[in-house]
Amino acid sequence: MPDRIFPRTKSVIGRSVYNCHPPKAQSKVKKILTSFHEGTSDREEFWFSLHGEHFIHLEYIAVRREDGTYLGCLEVGQDATYLRSLKDEKRR
């Protein structure tokens, strides 16, 4: 897909989130996953400029059973550049 922020192949499905990241990001991802496993955190959020032209928003969300058992991590990323340009309000 040409509009992907970080290109991924279907082979990443089912892999550890940790192993889907470049080495320079792995220590941060490991801290997030550890906090999810330990139950000290359920959500982490980051935003940054990519190549000076895109504003990227990332969320890591712990997925748990109703009893709190950790099942895994959902990573959501979006190019939020357009959102930063919105002004005033739009309501239906």
N, C-alpha and C. Protein backbone atom coordinates (compact mmCIF):
# COMPACT_ATOMS: atom_id res chain seq x y z
N MET A 1 0.84 -1.19 0.00
CA MET A 1 0.00 0.00 0.00
C MET A 1 0.88 1.24 0.00
N PRO A 2 0.64 2.15 -0.90
CA PRO A 2 1.49 3.33 -1.00
C PRO A 2 1.33 4.33 0.14
N ASP A 3 0.24 4.28 0.90
CA ASP A 3 0.02 5.27 1.96
C ASP A 3 0.35 4.74 3.35
N ARG A 4 1.05 3.64 3.45
CA ARG A 4 1.45 3.08 4.74
C ARG A 4 2.55 3.96 5.36
N ILE A 5 2.47 4.15 6.67
CA ILE A 5 3.50 4.92 7.37
C ILE A 5 4.78 4.10 7.44
N PHE A 6 4.65 2.88 7.95
CA PHE A 6 5.77 1.96 8.06
C PHE A 6 5.39 0.69 7.32
N PRO A 7 5.96 0.45 6.16
CA PRO A 7 5.57 -0.73 5.38
C PRO A 7 5.77 -2.03 6.17
N ARG A 8 4.78 -2.89 6.09
CA ARG A 8 4.83 -4.20 6.74
C ARG A 8 4.28 -5.23 5.75
N THR A 9 4.80 -6.43 5.84
CA THR A 9 4.28 -7.52 5.03
C THR A 9 3.33 -8.35 5.89
N LYS A 10 2.57 -9.22 5.27
CA LYS A 10 1.64 -10.07 6.01
C LYS A 10 2.37 -11.02 6.95
N SER A 11 3.67 -11.20 6.74
CA SER A 11 4.44 -12.12 7.58
C SER A 11 4.56 -11.64 9.03
N VAL A 12 4.27 -10.35 9.31
CA VAL A 12 4.37 -9.85 10.68
C VAL A 12 3.16 -10.26 11.52
N ILE A 13 2.08 -10.68 10.89
CA ILE A 13 0.89 -11.09 11.64
C ILE A 13 1.24 -12.29 12.50
N GLY A 14 0.96 -12.16 13.78
CA GLY A 14 1.25 -13.24 14.72
C GLY A 14 2.64 -13.16 15.33
N ARG A 15 3.51 -12.30 14.81
CA ARG A 15 4.84 -12.14 15.37
C ARG A 15 4.80 -11.24 16.59
N SER A 16 5.79 -11.34 17.42
CA SER A 16 5.92 -10.44 18.56
C SER A 16 6.03 -9.00 18.06
N VAL A 17 5.33 -8.09 18.70
CA VAL A 17 5.41 -6.67 18.34
C VAL A 17 6.86 -6.20 18.42
N TYR A 18 7.57 -6.69 19.40
CA TYR A 18 8.98 -6.34 19.60
C TYR A 18 9.80 -6.62 18.34
N ASN A 19 9.57 -7.75 17.71
CA ASN A 19 10.36 -8.16 16.55
C ASN A 19 9.94 -7.48 15.25
N CYS A 20 8.90 -6.68 15.30
CA CYS A 20 8.44 -5.96 14.10
C CYS A 20 9.04 -4.55 14.02
N HIS A 21 9.94 -4.21 14.95
CA HIS A 21 10.51 -2.87 15.01
C HIS A 21 12.01 -2.91 14.75
N PRO A 22 12.53 -1.78 14.26
CA PRO A 22 13.98 -1.71 14.03
C PRO A 22 14.73 -1.73 15.37
N PRO A 23 15.99 -2.14 15.34
CA PRO A 23 16.78 -2.24 16.58
C PRO A 23 16.76 -0.97 17.44
N LYS A 24 16.78 0.22 16.83
CA LYS A 24 16.82 1.44 17.65
C LYS A 24 15.54 1.69 18.43
N ALA A 25 14.43 1.07 18.04
CA ALA A 25 13.15 1.24 18.74
C ALA A 25 12.85 0.09 19.70
N GLN A 26 13.59 -0.99 19.61
CA GLN A 26 13.26 -2.19 20.37
C GLN A 26 13.32 -2.01 21.88
N SER A 27 14.24 -1.20 22.39
CA SER A 27 14.31 -1.01 23.84
C SER A 27 13.06 -0.30 24.35
N LYS A 28 12.55 0.66 23.60
CA LYS A 28 11.31 1.36 23.99
C LYS A 28 10.12 0.42 23.94
N VAL A 29 10.05 -0.38 22.89
CA VAL A 29 8.95 -1.34 22.75
C VAL A 29 9.01 -2.36 23.88
N LYS A 30 10.21 -2.80 24.24
CA LYS A 30 10.36 -3.77 25.32
C LYS A 30 9.83 -3.21 26.63
N LYS A 31 10.12 -1.93 26.93
CA LYS A 31 9.62 -1.30 28.16
C LYS A 31 8.10 -1.25 28.17
N ILE A 32 7.51 -0.93 27.02
CA ILE A 32 6.05 -0.86 26.93
C ILE A 32 5.45 -2.25 27.18
N LEU A 33 5.98 -3.26 26.49
CA LEU A 33 5.45 -4.61 26.63
C LEU A 33 5.62 -5.13 28.06
N THR A 34 6.74 -4.80 28.68
CA THR A 34 6.96 -5.22 30.07
C THR A 34 5.91 -4.60 30.98
N SER A 35 5.63 -3.31 30.79
CA SER A 35 4.62 -2.66 31.63
C SER A 35 3.23 -3.25 31.39
N PHE A 36 2.95 -3.67 30.17
CA PHE A 36 1.67 -4.32 29.88
C PHE A 36 1.59 -5.68 30.57
N HIS A 37 2.66 -6.46 30.45
CA HIS A 37 2.70 -7.79 31.09
C HIS A 37 2.56 -7.68 32.61
N GLU A 38 3.23 -6.68 33.20
CA GLU A 38 3.20 -6.51 34.66
C GLU A 38 1.91 -5.87 35.14
N GLY A 39 1.12 -5.33 34.23
CA GLY A 39 -0.14 -4.70 34.61
C GLY A 39 0.01 -3.28 35.14
N THR A 40 1.18 -2.67 34.93
CA THR A 40 1.39 -1.31 35.42
C THR A 40 0.95 -0.26 34.40
N SER A 41 0.63 -0.69 33.20
CA SER A 41 0.17 0.22 32.15
C SER A 41 -0.73 -0.54 31.18
N ASP A 42 -1.65 0.18 30.57
CA ASP A 42 -2.53 -0.41 29.56
C ASP A 42 -2.48 0.32 28.23
N ARG A 43 -1.83 1.49 28.21
CA ARG A 43 -1.81 2.28 26.98
C ARG A 43 -0.60 3.21 27.00
N GLU A 44 0.06 3.30 25.87
CA GLU A 44 1.15 4.26 25.69
C GLU A 44 0.91 4.98 24.38
N GLU A 45 1.26 6.25 24.34
CA GLU A 45 0.98 7.09 23.18
C GLU A 45 2.21 7.93 22.85
N PHE A 46 2.50 8.05 21.56
CA PHE A 46 3.64 8.83 21.10
C PHE A 46 3.24 9.62 19.87
N TRP A 47 3.91 10.73 19.63
CA TRP A 47 3.73 11.47 18.38
C TRP A 47 5.05 12.14 18.03
N PHE A 48 5.30 12.27 16.73
CA PHE A 48 6.57 12.82 16.28
C PHE A 48 6.47 13.23 14.81
N SER A 49 7.45 14.03 14.40
CA SER A 49 7.54 14.44 13.01
C SER A 49 8.36 13.41 12.25
N LEU A 50 7.89 13.02 11.08
CA LEU A 50 8.60 12.06 10.24
C LEU A 50 9.06 12.76 8.98
N HIS A 51 10.37 12.84 8.81
CA HIS A 51 10.98 13.48 7.63
C HIS A 51 10.56 14.95 7.48
N GLY A 52 10.12 15.57 8.57
CA GLY A 52 9.76 16.98 8.54
C GLY A 52 8.48 17.31 7.80
N GLU A 53 7.78 16.30 7.29
CA GLU A 53 6.56 16.61 6.54
C GLU A 53 5.32 15.87 7.02
N HIS A 54 5.49 14.87 7.88
CA HIS A 54 4.34 14.11 8.39
C HIS A 54 4.34 14.15 9.91
N PHE A 55 3.15 14.29 10.50
CA PHE A 55 2.98 14.24 11.94
C PHE A 55 2.38 12.87 12.26
N ILE A 56 3.15 12.03 12.92
CA ILE A 56 2.76 10.64 13.16
C ILE A 56 2.29 10.46 14.61
N HIS A 57 1.17 9.76 14.76
CA HIS A 57 0.63 9.43 16.08
C HIS A 57 0.60 7.92 16.22
N LEU A 58 1.21 7.39 17.30
CA LEU A 58 1.24 5.96 17.57
C LEU A 58 0.63 5.66 18.93
N GLU A 59 -0.13 4.58 19.00
CA GLU A 59 -0.67 4.11 20.28
C GLU A 59 -0.38 2.62 20.41
N TYR A 60 0.00 2.23 21.60
CA TYR A 60 0.16 0.83 21.97
C TYR A 60 -0.89 0.57 23.04
N ILE A 61 -1.73 -0.44 22.82
CA ILE A 61 -2.84 -0.71 23.72
C ILE A 61 -2.76 -2.17 24.17
N ALA A 62 -2.79 -2.39 25.48
CA ALA A 62 -2.80 -3.75 26.01
C ALA A 62 -4.18 -4.36 25.77
N VAL A 63 -4.20 -5.58 25.31
CA VAL A 63 -5.45 -6.31 25.12
C VAL A 63 -5.52 -7.33 26.25
N ARG A 64 -6.63 -7.27 27.01
CA ARG A 64 -6.78 -8.12 28.19
C ARG A 64 -8.14 -8.81 28.21
N ARG A 65 -8.19 -9.94 28.89
CA ARG A 65 -9.47 -10.59 29.18
C ARG A 65 -10.19 -9.77 30.24
N GLU A 66 -11.45 -10.08 30.46
CA GLU A 66 -12.22 -9.37 31.49
C GLU A 66 -11.58 -9.50 32.86
N ASP A 67 -10.90 -10.61 33.13
CA ASP A 67 -10.26 -10.80 34.43
C ASP A 67 -8.89 -10.11 34.53
N GLY A 68 -8.49 -9.40 33.47
CA GLY A 68 -7.23 -8.66 33.47
C GLY A 68 -6.05 -9.42 32.89
N THR A 69 -6.24 -10.68 32.53
CA THR A 69 -5.16 -11.47 31.95
C THR A 69 -4.70 -10.84 30.64
N TYR A 70 -3.41 -10.62 30.53
CA TYR A 70 -2.83 -10.00 29.33
C TYR A 70 -2.86 -10.98 28.17
N LEU A 71 -3.40 -10.55 27.03
CA LEU A 71 -3.46 -11.37 25.83
C LEU A 71 -2.49 -10.93 24.75
N GLY A 72 -2.22 -9.64 24.67
CA GLY A 72 -1.33 -9.15 23.64
C GLY A 72 -1.38 -7.64 23.54
N CYS A 73 -0.80 -7.14 22.48
CA CYS A 73 -0.66 -5.70 22.27
C CYS A 73 -1.20 -5.32 20.90
N LEU A 74 -1.96 -4.25 20.86
CA LEU A 74 -2.43 -3.68 19.61
C LEU A 74 -1.65 -2.39 19.38
N GLU A 75 -1.03 -2.29 18.22
CA GLU A 75 -0.31 -1.07 17.85
C GLU A 75 -1.09 -0.37 16.75
N VAL A 76 -1.40 0.90 16.96
CA VAL A 76 -2.16 1.68 15.99
C VAL A 76 -1.33 2.90 15.62
N GLY A 77 -1.12 3.11 14.33
CA GLY A 77 -0.37 4.27 13.87
C GLY A 77 -1.14 5.00 12.80
N GLN A 78 -1.04 6.32 12.83
CA GLN A 78 -1.70 7.10 11.79
C GLN A 78 -0.90 8.35 11.45
N ASP A 79 -1.00 8.75 10.21
CA ASP A 79 -0.45 10.03 9.79
C ASP A 79 -1.50 11.07 10.15
N ALA A 80 -1.23 11.84 11.18
CA ALA A 80 -2.19 12.81 11.70
C ALA A 80 -1.91 14.22 11.19
N THR A 81 -1.14 14.34 10.14
CA THR A 81 -0.80 15.65 9.59
C THR A 81 -2.06 16.46 9.29
N TYR A 82 -3.00 15.85 8.63
CA TYR A 82 -4.25 16.52 8.27
C TYR A 82 -4.99 17.02 9.52
N LEU A 83 -5.01 16.23 10.58
CA LEU A 83 -5.73 16.61 11.79
C LEU A 83 -5.17 17.87 12.42
N ARG A 84 -3.89 18.07 12.30
CA ARG A 84 -3.27 19.27 12.87
C ARG A 84 -3.71 20.55 12.16
N SER A 85 -4.21 20.42 10.95
CA SER A 85 -4.62 21.59 10.18
C SER A 85 -6.08 21.99 10.44
N LEU A 86 -6.85 21.17 11.14
CA LEU A 86 -8.26 21.46 11.36
C LEU A 86 -8.43 22.66 12.28
N LYS A 87 -9.43 23.47 11.99
CA LYS A 87 -9.73 24.66 12.77
C LYS A 87 -11.20 24.64 13.19
N ASP A 88 -11.49 25.39 14.23
CA ASP A 88 -12.86 25.56 14.72
C ASP A 88 -13.52 24.21 15.01
N GLU A 89 -14.80 24.07 14.61
CA GLU A 89 -15.54 22.84 14.86
C GLU A 89 -16.32 22.42 13.63
N LYS A 90 -16.59 21.15 13.53
CA LYS A 90 -17.51 20.63 12.51
C LYS A 90 -18.37 19.60 13.23
N ARG A 91 -19.66 19.85 13.25
CA ARG A 91 -20.60 18.95 13.92
C ARG A 91 -21.72 18.62 12.97
N ARG A 92 -22.31 17.48 13.18
CA ARG A 92 -23.47 17.08 12.36
C ARG A 92 -24.74 17.30 13.12
